[in-house]
Amino acid sequence: MIAALDTPQLAKVDTERLLAKVSASRLNCFHTCRLKFYFRYVLGLVKEATGALHVGKSVHWALQQWSKARWYGQPLDTESLKQGFDLHWESSQEKDPVAWEIDEEPKQKDKAWGLVDMYLRDTPIPAEEKPEGVEVSIEADLPDGLPRLVGVIDLVRPGGVVVDFKTSASTPFIAQAIHRNETQLSAYGILHREATGRDASGFELHHLVKTKVPKLVVTHVGAMTDQREQKFLRQVESYVEGVEREDFVPAPSLACSSCEFFHECQLWPEVRK
């Protein structure tokens, strides 16, 4: 990985590496903006993490510890989790520095813990419920010589219900939440089947919403369908075709305002050999 450049440069594309494995996050990035994919996965440009990203990762870490404690049958009280959260908040920034605004960090830390504390109070998951899996890393072969699918599932509840934790700045609408996360949930469905030999019975999106008073929104999604799986495989096929053509074109949109590569995109020379 290399640091971000003032003027991004053309680089040789390691097609073999890019097509060896694929994840839902890579697919989403590629189909959102292929130039963004180029900056991130071909050039390997790295930017300092934003406060919002650090909040999301810290909340995810805390929920992972909570889930693992139930998985192992070990009690984890709120005070102990808070102590671990404080340590993780600091130590994780040693590896991945955060670009904080002035006086922003204390407020964001309080907001992050407020989300965790809210979830522990309002979660629909019983304290005595033992997960089938927590932070499970899985790989699966896809048909027709497509890249190998990789991913990590946050939580699998009894009966094969796959749970994905999200932090959100605003309350999600059900239809939009399902549509926005369809690629990721389809990938989880394929990976779950690879790991267990059976289809997931359904999916749950647990959105921890960063409103003034934090709240939890749980969206239930039905079991994987053949139509959704075929749609996902078509997305992978499109990814393969685009990478093989080195088709890394920009896709200007409203999302550009929050893209970490906005500066590099403006300087992109648009040279094609």
Protein backbone atom coordinates (compact mmCIF):
# COMPACT_ATOMS: atom_id res chain seq x y z
CA MET A 1 0.00 0.00 0.00
CA ILE A 2 1.21 3.52 -0.74
CA ALA A 3 0.20 6.94 0.48
CA ALA A 4 -2.15 9.09 -1.54
CA LEU A 5 -0.47 11.13 -4.27
CA ASP A 6 -1.04 14.73 -5.31
CA THR A 7 -1.42 13.60 -8.90
CA PRO A 8 -2.43 9.95 -9.36
CA GLN A 9 -0.37 7.95 -11.84
CA LEU A 10 -1.21 5.23 -14.32
CA ALA A 11 -0.07 1.82 -13.08
CA LYS A 12 0.15 -1.68 -14.45
CA VAL A 13 -3.02 -3.56 -13.53
CA ASP A 14 -2.41 -6.90 -11.81
CA THR A 15 -5.44 -8.54 -13.39
CA GLU A 16 -4.58 -11.98 -12.02
CA ARG A 17 -4.62 -10.68 -8.44
CA LEU A 18 -7.83 -8.72 -8.88
CA LEU A 19 -9.61 -11.72 -10.40
CA ALA A 20 -8.36 -14.32 -7.93
CA LYS A 21 -10.84 -13.32 -5.21
CA VAL A 22 -13.77 -10.97 -4.88
CA SER A 23 -15.81 -9.67 -1.95
CA ALA A 24 -19.08 -7.79 -1.65
CA SER A 25 -17.20 -4.60 -0.73
CA ARG A 26 -15.04 -4.84 -3.87
CA LEU A 27 -18.09 -5.44 -6.03
CA ASN A 28 -19.92 -2.48 -4.51
CA CYS A 29 -16.91 -0.22 -4.99
CA PHE A 30 -16.41 -1.31 -8.61
CA HIS A 31 -20.04 -0.87 -9.58
CA THR A 32 -20.33 2.46 -7.75
CA CYS A 33 -17.31 4.05 -9.42
CA ARG A 34 -14.67 2.15 -11.35
CA LEU A 35 -12.11 4.93 -10.97
CA LYS A 36 -12.57 4.81 -7.20
CA PHE A 37 -11.92 1.08 -7.44
CA TYR A 38 -8.74 1.83 -9.40
CA PHE A 39 -7.46 4.26 -6.77
CA ARG A 40 -8.22 1.89 -3.92
CA TYR A 41 -7.40 -1.57 -5.28
CA VAL A 42 -4.97 -0.95 -8.17
CA LEU A 43 -2.93 2.02 -6.95
CA GLY A 44 -3.52 1.13 -3.30
CA LEU A 45 -4.01 4.74 -2.23
CA VAL A 46 -4.57 5.12 1.50
CA LYS A 47 -6.20 8.03 3.29
CA GLU A 48 -6.54 8.77 6.98
CA ALA A 49 -9.74 7.31 8.38
CA THR A 50 -12.61 9.70 8.99
CA GLY A 51 -14.22 10.10 12.38
CA ALA A 52 -17.40 8.44 11.13
CA LEU A 53 -15.47 5.41 9.90
CA HIS A 54 -13.65 5.09 13.22
CA VAL A 55 -16.96 5.27 15.08
CA GLY A 56 -18.38 2.50 12.90
CA LYS A 57 -15.37 0.24 13.37
CA SER A 58 -15.30 0.83 17.14
CA VAL A 59 -19.00 0.05 17.51
CA HIS A 60 -18.54 -3.06 15.40
CA TRP A 61 -15.64 -4.17 17.60
CA ALA A 62 -17.73 -3.79 20.77
CA LEU A 63 -20.65 -5.78 19.32
CA GLN A 64 -18.21 -8.45 18.21
CA GLN A 65 -16.94 -8.80 21.80
CA TRP A 66 -20.52 -8.99 23.06
CA SER A 67 -21.37 -11.70 20.54
CA LYS A 68 -18.21 -13.70 21.25
CA ALA A 69 -18.88 -13.64 24.99
CA ARG A 70 -22.28 -15.24 24.42
CA TRP A 71 -20.77 -17.70 21.95
CA TYR A 72 -18.22 -18.84 24.53
CA GLY A 73 -20.72 -18.74 27.38
CA GLN A 74 -18.65 -16.15 29.25
CA PRO A 75 -20.45 -13.26 30.98
CA LEU A 76 -19.51 -9.78 29.79
CA ASP A 77 -20.92 -6.91 31.82
CA THR A 78 -21.31 -3.40 30.45
CA GLU A 79 -18.53 -1.95 32.60
CA SER A 80 -15.99 -4.51 31.35
CA LEU A 81 -17.04 -3.93 27.76
CA LYS A 82 -16.69 -0.17 28.23
CA GLN A 83 -13.15 -0.59 29.53
CA GLY A 84 -12.24 -2.71 26.53
CA PHE A 85 -13.92 -0.20 24.24
CA ASP A 86 -11.83 2.66 25.65
CA LEU A 87 -8.60 0.72 25.13
CA HIS A 88 -9.56 -0.30 21.62
CA TRP A 89 -10.55 3.26 20.70
CA GLU A 90 -7.01 4.42 21.43
CA SER A 91 -4.98 1.42 20.27
CA SER A 92 -6.71 1.12 16.90
CA GLN A 93 -5.67 4.69 16.04
CA GLU A 94 -2.02 3.76 16.42
CA LYS A 95 -2.40 1.51 13.37
CA ASP A 96 -4.98 3.56 11.47
CA PRO A 97 -4.69 7.30 12.31
CA VAL A 98 -7.89 9.31 12.15
CA ALA A 99 -8.23 12.78 10.63
CA TRP A 100 -10.12 14.41 13.51
CA GLU A 101 -11.47 17.92 13.35
CA ILE A 102 -10.66 20.21 16.32
CA ASP A 103 -12.45 18.99 19.48
CA GLU A 104 -14.23 16.29 17.45
CA GLU A 105 -12.79 13.14 18.99
CA PRO A 106 -14.35 13.27 22.51
CA LYS A 107 -17.79 13.91 21.04
CA GLN A 108 -17.46 11.07 18.55
CA LYS A 109 -16.22 8.69 21.23
CA ASP A 110 -19.24 9.49 23.42
CA LYS A 111 -21.52 9.02 20.41
CA ALA A 112 -19.93 5.67 19.58
CA TRP A 113 -20.31 4.31 23.10
CA GLY A 114 -23.84 5.71 23.25
CA LEU A 115 -24.70 3.52 20.25
CA VAL A 116 -23.23 0.44 21.91
CA ASP A 117 -25.00 1.15 25.20
CA MET A 118 -28.29 1.64 23.37
CA TYR A 119 -27.87 -1.63 21.50
CA LEU A 120 -27.21 -3.61 24.65
CA ARG A 121 -30.48 -2.23 26.09
CA ASP A 122 -32.65 -2.54 23.00
CA THR A 123 -31.25 -5.55 21.15
CA PRO A 124 -33.83 -8.17 20.10
CA ILE A 125 -31.24 -10.89 20.79
CA PRO A 126 -31.78 -12.56 24.20
CA ALA A 127 -28.77 -12.49 26.51
CA GLU A 128 -28.87 -16.30 26.82
CA GLU A 129 -29.02 -16.93 23.06
CA LYS A 130 -25.88 -18.68 21.82
CA PRO A 131 -24.79 -17.73 18.30
CA GLU A 132 -24.01 -20.28 15.63
CA GLY A 133 -21.09 -18.15 14.49
CA VAL A 134 -19.35 -14.81 15.17
CA GLU A 135 -17.04 -12.98 12.74
CA VAL A 136 -16.79 -16.06 10.55
CA SER A 137 -14.32 -15.75 7.67
CA ILE A 138 -15.48 -17.88 4.72
CA GLU A 139 -14.45 -18.52 1.13
CA ALA A 140 -16.52 -20.16 -1.61
CA ASP A 141 -15.96 -21.15 -5.22
CA LEU A 142 -18.34 -19.53 -7.70
CA PRO A 143 -19.47 -21.28 -10.90
CA ASP A 144 -18.13 -20.80 -14.43
CA GLY A 145 -14.59 -19.96 -13.34
CA LEU A 146 -15.57 -16.75 -11.59
CA PRO A 147 -13.30 -15.36 -8.82
CA ARG A 148 -13.39 -17.05 -5.44
CA LEU A 149 -15.84 -15.28 -3.13
CA VAL A 150 -14.54 -14.18 0.29
CA GLY A 151 -16.23 -12.47 3.21
CA VAL A 152 -16.71 -12.21 6.96
CA ILE A 153 -20.16 -12.70 8.49
CA ASP A 154 -20.78 -10.60 11.61
CA LEU A 155 -23.17 -12.95 13.38
CA VAL A 156 -25.26 -16.06 12.71
CA ARG A 157 -28.20 -16.56 15.03
CA PRO A 158 -29.74 -19.97 15.80
CA GLY A 159 -31.64 -21.38 12.86
CA GLY A 160 -29.26 -19.84 10.34
CA VAL A 161 -30.31 -16.18 10.55
CA VAL A 162 -27.44 -14.02 9.28
CA VAL A 163 -27.06 -10.66 11.05
CA ASP A 164 -25.11 -7.66 9.76
CA PHE A 165 -24.42 -4.64 11.99
CA LYS A 166 -24.52 -1.14 10.50
CA THR A 167 -24.08 2.37 11.87
CA SER A 168 -26.13 5.05 10.16
CA ALA A 169 -26.46 8.82 10.37
CA SER A 170 -30.16 8.70 9.54
CA THR A 171 -33.08 6.33 9.94
CA PRO A 172 -33.07 3.81 7.08
CA PHE A 173 -36.18 3.10 5.02
CA ILE A 174 -36.86 -0.63 4.75
CA ALA A 175 -36.94 -0.87 0.94
CA GLN A 176 -33.84 1.29 0.55
CA ALA A 177 -31.94 -0.61 3.24
CA ILE A 178 -32.65 -3.94 1.57
CA HIS A 179 -31.79 -2.62 -1.89
CA ARG A 180 -28.58 -0.92 -0.74
CA ASN A 181 -27.33 -4.07 1.00
CA GLU A 182 -28.54 -6.64 -1.51
CA THR A 183 -25.07 -7.43 -2.89
CA GLN A 184 -23.63 -7.98 0.57
CA LEU A 185 -26.55 -10.11 1.78
CA SER A 186 -26.41 -12.23 -1.38
CA ALA A 187 -22.71 -12.82 -0.80
CA TYR A 188 -23.42 -13.80 2.80
CA GLY A 189 -26.07 -16.24 1.61
CA ILE A 190 -23.62 -18.01 -0.68
CA LEU A 191 -20.90 -18.03 1.99
CA HIS A 192 -23.26 -19.34 4.67
CA ARG A 193 -24.30 -22.22 2.41
CA GLU A 194 -20.64 -23.01 1.72
CA ALA A 195 -19.85 -23.14 5.45
CA THR A 196 -22.90 -25.05 6.66
CA GLY A 197 -24.24 -26.95 3.68
CA ARG A 198 -27.65 -25.33 4.09
CA ASP A 199 -29.29 -22.08 3.06
CA ALA A 200 -29.58 -19.21 5.54
CA SER A 201 -33.17 -19.00 6.77
CA GLY A 202 -33.11 -15.21 6.53
CA PHE A 203 -31.15 -12.05 7.16
CA GLU A 204 -31.31 -9.15 9.63
CA LEU A 205 -29.84 -5.69 9.20
CA HIS A 206 -29.29 -4.10 12.62
CA HIS A 207 -28.89 -0.36 12.01
CA LEU A 208 -27.56 1.62 14.99
CA VAL A 209 -28.75 5.11 14.13
CA LYS A 210 -26.73 8.16 15.27
CA THR A 211 -29.70 10.42 15.96
CA LYS A 212 -29.72 12.78 18.95
CA VAL A 213 -31.23 9.93 20.94
CA PRO A 214 -29.61 6.79 19.47
CA LYS A 215 -32.00 4.13 18.24
CA LEU A 216 -31.98 0.66 16.74
CA VAL A 217 -33.75 -0.23 13.49
CA VAL A 218 -33.93 -3.93 12.62
CA THR A 219 -34.77 -4.84 9.02
CA HIS A 220 -35.77 -8.43 8.29
CA VAL A 221 -34.95 -9.88 4.89
CA GLY A 222 -36.24 -13.19 3.59
CA ALA A 223 -34.16 -16.20 2.63
CA MET A 224 -31.93 -16.20 -0.44
CA THR A 225 -33.75 -16.74 -3.75
CA ASP A 226 -32.45 -18.12 -7.05
CA GLN A 227 -33.21 -14.76 -8.66
CA ARG A 228 -31.06 -12.86 -6.15
CA GLU A 229 -28.23 -15.35 -6.54
CA GLN A 230 -28.28 -15.10 -10.33
CA LYS A 231 -28.31 -11.31 -10.07
CA PHE A 232 -25.26 -11.46 -7.80
CA LEU A 233 -23.41 -13.78 -10.19
CA ARG A 234 -24.15 -11.39 -13.05
CA GLN A 235 -22.58 -8.59 -10.99
CA VAL A 236 -19.44 -10.71 -10.58
CA GLU A 237 -19.38 -11.44 -14.33
CA SER A 238 -19.61 -7.71 -15.05
CA TYR A 239 -16.77 -7.10 -12.58
CA VAL A 240 -14.58 -9.66 -14.34
CA GLU A 241 -15.32 -8.19 -17.78
CA GLY A 242 -14.54 -4.65 -16.58
CA VAL A 243 -11.27 -5.59 -14.89
CA GLU A 244 -10.12 -7.56 -17.93
CA ARG A 245 -10.77 -4.50 -20.12
CA GLU A 246 -9.16 -2.23 -17.51
CA ASP A 247 -12.35 -0.22 -17.70
CA PHE A 248 -11.70 2.15 -14.79
CA VAL A 249 -13.87 5.11 -15.74
CA PRO A 250 -15.16 7.76 -13.29
CA ALA A 251 -18.84 7.95 -12.41
CA PRO A 252 -19.56 11.50 -11.16
CA SER A 253 -22.56 11.62 -8.82
CA LEU A 254 -23.83 13.06 -5.54
CA ALA A 255 -21.68 10.44 -3.77
CA CYS A 256 -18.52 12.26 -4.92
CA SER A 257 -18.84 14.84 -2.15
CA SER A 258 -18.01 12.20 0.47
CA CYS A 259 -15.50 10.18 -1.56
CA GLU A 260 -12.01 10.02 -0.06
CA PHE A 261 -10.51 10.24 -3.57
CA PHE A 262 -12.33 13.40 -4.67
CA HIS A 263 -9.07 15.36 -5.00
CA GLU A 264 -7.32 12.60 -6.98
CA CYS A 265 -10.33 12.24 -9.27
CA GLN A 266 -10.21 15.95 -10.16
CA LEU A 267 -6.52 15.57 -11.09
CA TRP A 268 -6.98 12.32 -13.00
CA PRO A 269 -5.19 12.75 -16.37
CA GLU A 270 -7.69 10.54 -18.25
CA VAL A 271 -4.88 9.04 -20.31
CA ARG A 272 -5.64 5.71 -21.91
CA LYS A 273 -3.10 3.71 -23.87
